[in-house]
């Protein structure tokens, strides 16, 4: 059987559209309707990392240059381990990629990860990234988590001699504006986490 490049491209586009619709529906269930995600896995700690990757699209903008599409990467894992070959691997790794702006991509990722983990039984949580403001917004949904600047960006201004974790600003019990995304998430989160949220992560000492 011969398969043309265009037929393969069409199949990939269709599969991507279905995955995008499923991710958006999952986000709406949690953040718009306040449904409790089905996650059941406990964990001593879950580390979250976010990053943005720009790729060239097929269309050209008004300036004649090809458009740049932002791929919003989210990674969740339960610490690191060493495999049989001596390589460092991430434990129970989960990856989520979205196309769009930061806040929506964070909500999609958190909704996807909440289908895996039972956040009521997650003892520690960190949010890591390159310092971009949109990544720090994750702390608005997980205000008991700690922010951790990734080592590459940390070493640039600090010369490799800085702590990688800082305490988040604000309090878990601070009021949310009525009707806001944070308010809806907080209501769902309080039910999901048994009224206590995720415990604050502490910085590891080198």
C-alpha atoms as a PDB file:
ATOM      1  CA  UNK A   1       0.000   0.000   0.000  1.00  0.00           C
ATOM      2  CA  UNK A   2       1.324   3.417  -0.953  1.00  0.00           C
ATOM      3  CA  UNK A   3       0.819   6.305   1.441  1.00  0.00           C
ATOM      4  CA  UNK A   4       1.308   9.837   0.172  1.00  0.00           C
ATOM      5  CA  UNK A   5       2.913  12.574   2.213  1.00  0.00           C
ATOM      6  CA  UNK A   6      -0.287  14.648   2.059  1.00  0.00           C
ATOM      7  CA  UNK A   7      -2.396  11.731   3.337  1.00  0.00           C
ATOM      8  CA  UNK A   8      -0.027  11.270   6.248  1.00  0.00           C
ATOM      9  CA  UNK A   9      -0.070  15.030   6.944  1.00  0.00           C
ATOM     10  CA  UNK A  10      -3.880  15.015   6.950  1.00  0.00           C
ATOM     11  CA  UNK A  11      -3.976  12.111   9.415  1.00  0.00           C
ATOM     12  CA  UNK A  12      -1.537  13.872  11.737  1.00  0.00           C
ATOM     13  CA  UNK A  13      -3.602  17.069  11.554  1.00  0.00           C
ATOM     14  CA  UNK A  14      -6.786  15.165  12.397  1.00  0.00           C
ATOM     15  CA  UNK A  15      -5.139  13.374  15.332  1.00  0.00           C
ATOM     16  CA  UNK A  16      -3.750  16.660  16.635  1.00  0.00           C
ATOM     17  CA  UNK A  17      -7.175  18.314  16.399  1.00  0.00           C
ATOM     18  CA  UNK A  18      -8.759  15.493  18.405  1.00  0.00           C
ATOM     19  CA  UNK A  19      -6.056  15.687  21.071  1.00  0.00           C
ATOM     20  CA  UNK A  20      -6.472  19.473  21.269  1.00  0.00           C
ATOM     21  CA  UNK A  21     -10.230  19.177  21.721  1.00  0.00           C
ATOM     22  CA  UNK A  22      -9.779  16.558  24.452  1.00  0.00           C
ATOM     23  CA  UNK A  23      -7.274  18.749  26.329  1.00  0.00           C
ATOM     24  CA  UNK A  24      -9.565  21.779  26.151  1.00  0.00           C
ATOM     25  CA  UNK A  25     -12.537  19.723  27.354  1.00  0.00           C
ATOM     26  CA  UNK A  26     -10.467  18.437  30.274  1.00  0.00           C
ATOM     27  CA  UNK A  27      -9.443  21.991  31.205  1.00  0.00           C
ATOM     28  CA  UNK A  28     -13.033  23.253  31.044  1.00  0.00           C
ATOM     29  CA  UNK A  29     -14.232  20.401  33.258  1.00  0.00           C
ATOM     30  CA  UNK A  30     -11.806  21.410  36.022  1.00  0.00           C
ATOM     31  CA  UNK A  31     -11.566  25.183  35.705  1.00  0.00           C
ATOM     32  CA  UNK A  32     -14.968  26.139  34.336  1.00  0.00           C
ATOM     33  CA  UNK A  33     -17.326  23.543  35.821  1.00  0.00           C
ATOM     34  CA  UNK A  34     -15.311  22.750  38.951  1.00  0.00           C
ATOM     35  CA  UNK A  35     -15.270  18.992  38.445  1.00  0.00           C
ATOM     36  CA  UNK A  36     -12.869  16.921  40.537  1.00  0.00           C
ATOM     37  CA  UNK A  37     -10.157  15.235  38.401  1.00  0.00           C
ATOM     38  CA  UNK A  38      -9.858  11.441  38.656  1.00  0.00           C
ATOM     39  CA  UNK A  39      -6.209  11.344  39.775  1.00  0.00           C
ATOM     40  CA  UNK A  40      -5.489   8.672  42.385  1.00  0.00           C
ATOM     41  CA  UNK A  41      -1.697   8.415  42.583  1.00  0.00           C
ATOM     42  CA  UNK A  42      -0.019   9.587  45.816  1.00  0.00           C
ATOM     43  CA  UNK A  43       3.502  11.045  45.809  1.00  0.00           C
ATOM     44  CA  UNK A  44       6.012  12.342  48.298  1.00  0.00           C
ATOM     45  CA  UNK A  45       6.911  15.103  45.811  1.00  0.00           C
ATOM     46  CA  UNK A  46       5.928  16.206  42.322  1.00  0.00           C
ATOM     47  CA  UNK A  47       8.159  18.559  40.341  1.00  0.00           C
ATOM     48  CA  UNK A  48       6.622  20.647  37.562  1.00  0.00           C
ATOM     49  CA  UNK A  49       8.643  22.342  34.825  1.00  0.00           C
ATOM     50  CA  UNK A  50       7.364  24.704  32.138  1.00  0.00           C
ATOM     51  CA  UNK A  51       9.055  26.076  29.031  1.00  0.00           C
ATOM     52  CA  UNK A  52       8.221  27.714  25.720  1.00  0.00           C
ATOM     53  CA  UNK A  53       9.605  26.630  22.348  1.00  0.00           C
ATOM     54  CA  UNK A  54       9.123  28.752  19.224  1.00  0.00           C
ATOM     55  CA  UNK A  55       8.924  26.911  15.897  1.00  0.00           C
ATOM     56  CA  UNK A  56       8.425  28.222  12.381  1.00  0.00           C
ATOM     57  CA  UNK A  57       4.987  27.797  10.883  1.00  0.00           C
ATOM     58  CA  UNK A  58       3.957  27.413   7.255  1.00  0.00           C
ATOM     59  CA  UNK A  59       2.134  30.740   6.931  1.00  0.00           C
ATOM     60  CA  UNK A  60       3.754  34.107   6.437  1.00  0.00           C
ATOM     61  CA  UNK A  61       2.867  37.236   8.320  1.00  0.00           C
ATOM     62  CA  UNK A  62       2.365  40.786   6.980  1.00  0.00           C
ATOM     63  CA  UNK A  63       6.139  41.314   7.065  1.00  0.00           C
ATOM     64  CA  UNK A  64       6.686  38.346   4.766  1.00  0.00           C
ATOM     65  CA  UNK A  65       8.352  36.290   7.482  1.00  0.00           C
ATOM     66  CA  UNK A  66       7.065  32.874   8.473  1.00  0.00           C
ATOM     67  CA  UNK A  67       4.957  32.938  11.601  1.00  0.00           C
ATOM     68  CA  UNK A  68       6.434  31.622  14.832  1.00  0.00           C
ATOM     69  CA  UNK A  69       4.273  29.222  16.797  1.00  0.00           C
ATOM     70  CA  UNK A  70       4.715  28.926  20.551  1.00  0.00           C
ATOM     71  CA  UNK A  71       4.736  25.383  21.911  1.00  0.00           C
ATOM     72  CA  UNK A  72       4.109  25.485  25.646  1.00  0.00           C
ATOM     73  CA  UNK A  73       5.819  22.501  27.261  1.00  0.00           C
ATOM     74  CA  UNK A  74       4.864  21.163  30.702  1.00  0.00           C
ATOM     75  CA  UNK A  75       6.661  18.359  32.487  1.00  0.00           C
ATOM     76  CA  UNK A  76       5.727  16.575  35.723  1.00  0.00           C
ATOM     77  CA  UNK A  77       7.720  13.898  37.523  1.00  0.00           C
ATOM     78  CA  UNK A  78       8.406  12.416  40.950  1.00  0.00           C
ATOM     79  CA  UNK A  79      12.092  13.169  41.330  1.00  0.00           C
ATOM     80  CA  UNK A  80      15.045  11.493  39.614  1.00  0.00           C
ATOM     81  CA  UNK A  81      16.607   8.049  39.655  1.00  0.00           C
ATOM     82  CA  UNK A  82      19.510   6.192  38.033  1.00  0.00           C
ATOM     83  CA  UNK A  83      18.786   3.400  35.570  1.00  0.00           C
ATOM     84  CA  UNK A  84      20.793   0.220  34.924  1.00  0.00           C
ATOM     85  CA  UNK A  85      23.095   2.089  32.526  1.00  0.00           C
ATOM     86  CA  UNK A  86      23.912   4.774  35.079  1.00  0.00           C
ATOM     87  CA  UNK A  87      21.799   7.405  33.360  1.00  0.00           C
ATOM     88  CA  UNK A  88      19.626   9.870  35.235  1.00  0.00           C
ATOM     89  CA  UNK A  89      15.929   9.359  34.494  1.00  0.00           C
ATOM     90  CA  UNK A  90      12.762  11.099  35.646  1.00  0.00           C
ATOM     91  CA  UNK A  91      10.415   8.975  37.735  1.00  0.00           C
ATOM     92  CA  UNK A  92       6.821   8.597  36.497  1.00  0.00           C
ATOM     93  CA  UNK A  93       7.340  11.322  33.902  1.00  0.00           C
ATOM     94  CA  UNK A  94       4.327  12.965  32.281  1.00  0.00           C
ATOM     95  CA  UNK A  95       4.520  15.512  29.432  1.00  0.00           C
ATOM     96  CA  UNK A  96       1.922  17.943  28.131  1.00  0.00           C
ATOM     97  CA  UNK A  97       2.347  20.267  25.142  1.00  0.00           C
ATOM     98  CA  UNK A  98      -0.111  22.962  24.090  1.00  0.00           C
ATOM     99  CA  UNK A  99      -0.250  25.673  21.445  1.00  0.00           C
ATOM    100  CA  UNK A 100      -1.485  29.008  22.757  1.00  0.00           C
ATOM    101  CA  UNK A 101      -0.948  31.545  25.461  1.00  0.00           C
ATOM    102  CA  UNK A 102       0.582  30.833  28.862  1.00  0.00           C
ATOM    103  CA  UNK A 103      -2.402  30.865  31.220  1.00  0.00           C
ATOM    104  CA  UNK A 104      -4.510  28.508  29.102  1.00  0.00           C
ATOM    105  CA  UNK A 105      -1.573  26.131  28.626  1.00  0.00           C
ATOM    106  CA  UNK A 106      -0.915  26.036  32.375  1.00  0.00           C
ATOM    107  CA  UNK A 107      -4.546  25.196  33.044  1.00  0.00           C
ATOM    108  CA  UNK A 108      -4.495  22.443  30.427  1.00  0.00           C
ATOM    109  CA  UNK A 109      -1.326  20.968  31.896  1.00  0.00           C
ATOM    110  CA  UNK A 110      -2.572  21.081  35.498  1.00  0.00           C
ATOM    111  CA  UNK A 111      -5.867  19.485  34.497  1.00  0.00           C
ATOM    112  CA  UNK A 112      -3.980  16.719  32.659  1.00  0.00           C
ATOM    113  CA  UNK A 113      -1.612  16.086  35.580  1.00  0.00           C
ATOM    114  CA  UNK A 114      -4.527  16.097  38.058  1.00  0.00           C
ATOM    115  CA  UNK A 115      -5.901  13.119  36.138  1.00  0.00           C
ATOM    116  CA  UNK A 116      -2.754  11.234  37.221  1.00  0.00           C
ATOM    117  CA  UNK A 117      -1.959  12.419  40.755  1.00  0.00           C
ATOM    118  CA  UNK A 118      -4.197  12.740  43.794  1.00  0.00           C
ATOM    119  CA  UNK A 119      -3.039  16.164  44.941  1.00  0.00           C
ATOM    120  CA  UNK A 120      -4.491  15.576  48.399  1.00  0.00           C
ATOM    121  CA  UNK A 121      -1.698  13.008  48.817  1.00  0.00           C
ATOM    122  CA  UNK A 122       1.116  15.008  47.193  1.00  0.00           C
ATOM    123  CA  UNK A 123       3.311  16.145  50.069  1.00  0.00           C
ATOM    124  CA  UNK A 124       5.600  18.589  48.233  1.00  0.00           C
ATOM    125  CA  UNK A 125       5.452  20.460  44.929  1.00  0.00           C
ATOM    126  CA  UNK A 126       7.851  22.711  43.035  1.00  0.00           C
ATOM    127  CA  UNK A 127       7.308  24.794  39.900  1.00  0.00           C
ATOM    128  CA  UNK A 128      10.397  25.252  37.738  1.00  0.00           C
ATOM    129  CA  UNK A 129      11.133  27.423  34.734  1.00  0.00           C
ATOM    130  CA  UNK A 130      13.340  30.060  33.141  1.00  0.00           C
ATOM    131  CA  UNK A 131      11.803  32.980  35.030  1.00  0.00           C
ATOM    132  CA  UNK A 132       9.213  33.907  32.416  1.00  0.00           C
ATOM    133  CA  UNK A 133       6.158  35.629  33.969  1.00  0.00           C
ATOM    134  CA  UNK A 134       3.690  33.168  32.452  1.00  0.00           C
ATOM    135  CA  UNK A 135       5.401  30.262  34.232  1.00  0.00           C
ATOM    136  CA  UNK A 136       5.170  32.028  37.583  1.00  0.00           C
ATOM    137  CA  UNK A 137       1.405  32.174  37.084  1.00  0.00           C
ATOM    138  CA  UNK A 138       1.327  28.482  37.981  1.00  0.00           C
ATOM    139  CA  UNK A 139       1.865  29.574  41.593  1.00  0.00           C
ATOM    140  CA  UNK A 140      -1.540  31.283  41.454  1.00  0.00           C
ATOM    141  CA  UNK A 141      -3.067  27.823  41.027  1.00  0.00           C
ATOM    142  CA  UNK A 142      -0.613  26.084  43.356  1.00  0.00           C
ATOM    143  CA  UNK A 143       0.118  28.827  45.909  1.00  0.00           C
ATOM    144  CA  UNK A 144       1.569  26.328  48.388  1.00  0.00           C
ATOM    145  CA  UNK A 145       4.231  25.239  45.880  1.00  0.00           C
ATOM    146  CA  UNK A 146       7.736  26.707  45.662  1.00  0.00           C
ATOM    147  CA  UNK A 147       9.237  28.289  42.565  1.00  0.00           C
ATOM    148  CA  UNK A 148      12.586  26.982  41.304  1.00  0.00           C
ATOM    149  CA  UNK A 149      14.618  28.731  38.635  1.00  0.00           C
ATOM    150  CA  UNK A 150      16.204  26.212  36.295  1.00  0.00           C
ATOM    151  CA  UNK A 151      19.983  25.759  36.787  1.00  0.00           C
ATOM    152  CA  UNK A 152      20.962  27.088  33.335  1.00  0.00           C
ATOM    153  CA  UNK A 153      19.274  30.463  33.828  1.00  0.00           C
ATOM    154  CA  UNK A 154      20.249  30.578  37.486  1.00  0.00           C
ATOM    155  CA  UNK A 155      23.970  30.325  36.755  1.00  0.00           C
ATOM    156  CA  UNK A 156      23.940  33.181  34.241  1.00  0.00           C
ATOM    157  CA  UNK A 157      23.398  36.028  36.750  1.00  0.00           C
ATOM    158  CA  UNK A 158      24.601  34.208  39.887  1.00  0.00           C
ATOM    159  CA  UNK A 159      27.723  32.451  38.684  1.00  0.00           C
ATOM    160  CA  UNK A 160      26.443  29.071  39.897  1.00  0.00           C
ATOM    161  CA  UNK A 161      26.350  30.070  43.581  1.00  0.00           C
ATOM    162  CA  UNK A 162      22.639  30.670  44.220  1.00  0.00           C
ATOM    163  CA  UNK A 163      19.851  28.651  45.775  1.00  0.00           C
ATOM    164  CA  UNK A 164      17.480  27.282  43.154  1.00  0.00           C
ATOM    165  CA  UNK A 165      14.321  27.529  45.215  1.00  0.00           C
ATOM    166  CA  UNK A 166      12.513  30.513  46.639  1.00  0.00           C
ATOM    167  CA  UNK A 167       9.415  30.771  48.748  1.00  0.00           C
ATOM    168  CA  UNK A 168       6.297  31.823  46.856  1.00  0.00           C
ATOM    169  CA  UNK A 169       4.694  35.139  47.564  1.00  0.00           C
ATOM    170  CA  UNK A 170       1.227  35.418  48.995  1.00  0.00           C
ATOM    171  CA  UNK A 171      -0.792  33.013  51.076  1.00  0.00           C
ATOM    172  CA  UNK A 172      -2.966  30.007  50.347  1.00  0.00           C
ATOM    173  CA  UNK A 173      -5.824  31.677  52.173  1.00  0.00           C
ATOM    174  CA  UNK A 174      -5.682  35.004  50.369  1.00  0.00           C
ATOM    175  CA  UNK A 175      -9.045  35.959  48.803  1.00  0.00           C
ATOM    176  CA  UNK A 176      -9.599  35.387  45.097  1.00  0.00           C
ATOM    177  CA  UNK A 177     -11.698  37.820  43.027  1.00  0.00           C
ATOM    178  CA  UNK A 178     -15.213  36.403  42.762  1.00  0.00           C
ATOM    179  CA  UNK A 179     -15.739  34.554  39.491  1.00  0.00           C
ATOM    180  CA  UNK A 180     -12.040  34.500  38.567  1.00  0.00           C
ATOM    181  CA  UNK A 181     -10.162  31.438  37.308  1.00  0.00           C
ATOM    182  CA  UNK A 182      -8.308  31.363  40.595  1.00  0.00           C
ATOM    183  CA  UNK A 183     -11.564  31.336  42.549  1.00  0.00           C
ATOM    184  CA  UNK A 184     -12.954  28.442  40.512  1.00  0.00           C
ATOM    185  CA  UNK A 185      -9.702  26.517  40.795  1.00  0.00           C
ATOM    186  CA  UNK A 186      -9.504  27.202  44.529  1.00  0.00           C
ATOM    187  CA  UNK A 187     -12.985  25.783  45.099  1.00  0.00           C
ATOM    188  CA  UNK A 188     -12.157  22.666  43.096  1.00  0.00           C
ATOM    189  CA  UNK A 189      -8.730  22.395  44.692  1.00  0.00           C
ATOM    190  CA  UNK A 190     -10.059  22.654  48.245  1.00  0.00           C
ATOM    191  CA  UNK A 191     -12.492  19.825  47.575  1.00  0.00           C
ATOM    192  CA  UNK A 192      -9.823  17.801  45.762  1.00  0.00           C
ATOM    193  CA  UNK A 193      -7.127  18.311  48.397  1.00  0.00           C
ATOM    194  CA  UNK A 194      -9.343  17.890  51.436  1.00  0.00           C
ATOM    195  CA  UNK A 195      -9.165  21.568  52.332  1.00  0.00           C
ATOM    196  CA  UNK A 196      -5.404  21.799  52.772  1.00  0.00           C
ATOM    197  CA  UNK A 197      -3.839  22.075  49.294  1.00  0.00           C
ATOM    198  CA  UNK A 198      -0.291  20.955  48.576  1.00  0.00           C
ATOM    199  CA  UNK A 199       2.269  21.309  51.333  1.00  0.00           C
ATOM    200  CA  UNK A 200       5.013  23.847  50.809  1.00  0.00           C
ATOM    201  CA  UNK A 201       8.168  22.402  49.293  1.00  0.00           C
ATOM    202  CA  UNK A 202      11.466  23.172  51.003  1.00  0.00           C
ATOM    203  CA  UNK A 203      14.750  24.006  49.303  1.00  0.00           C
ATOM    204  CA  UNK A 204      17.280  21.220  49.221  1.00  0.00           C
ATOM    205  CA  UNK A 205      20.693  21.987  50.607  1.00  0.00           C
ATOM    206  CA  UNK A 206      23.742  21.264  48.503  1.00  0.00           C
END
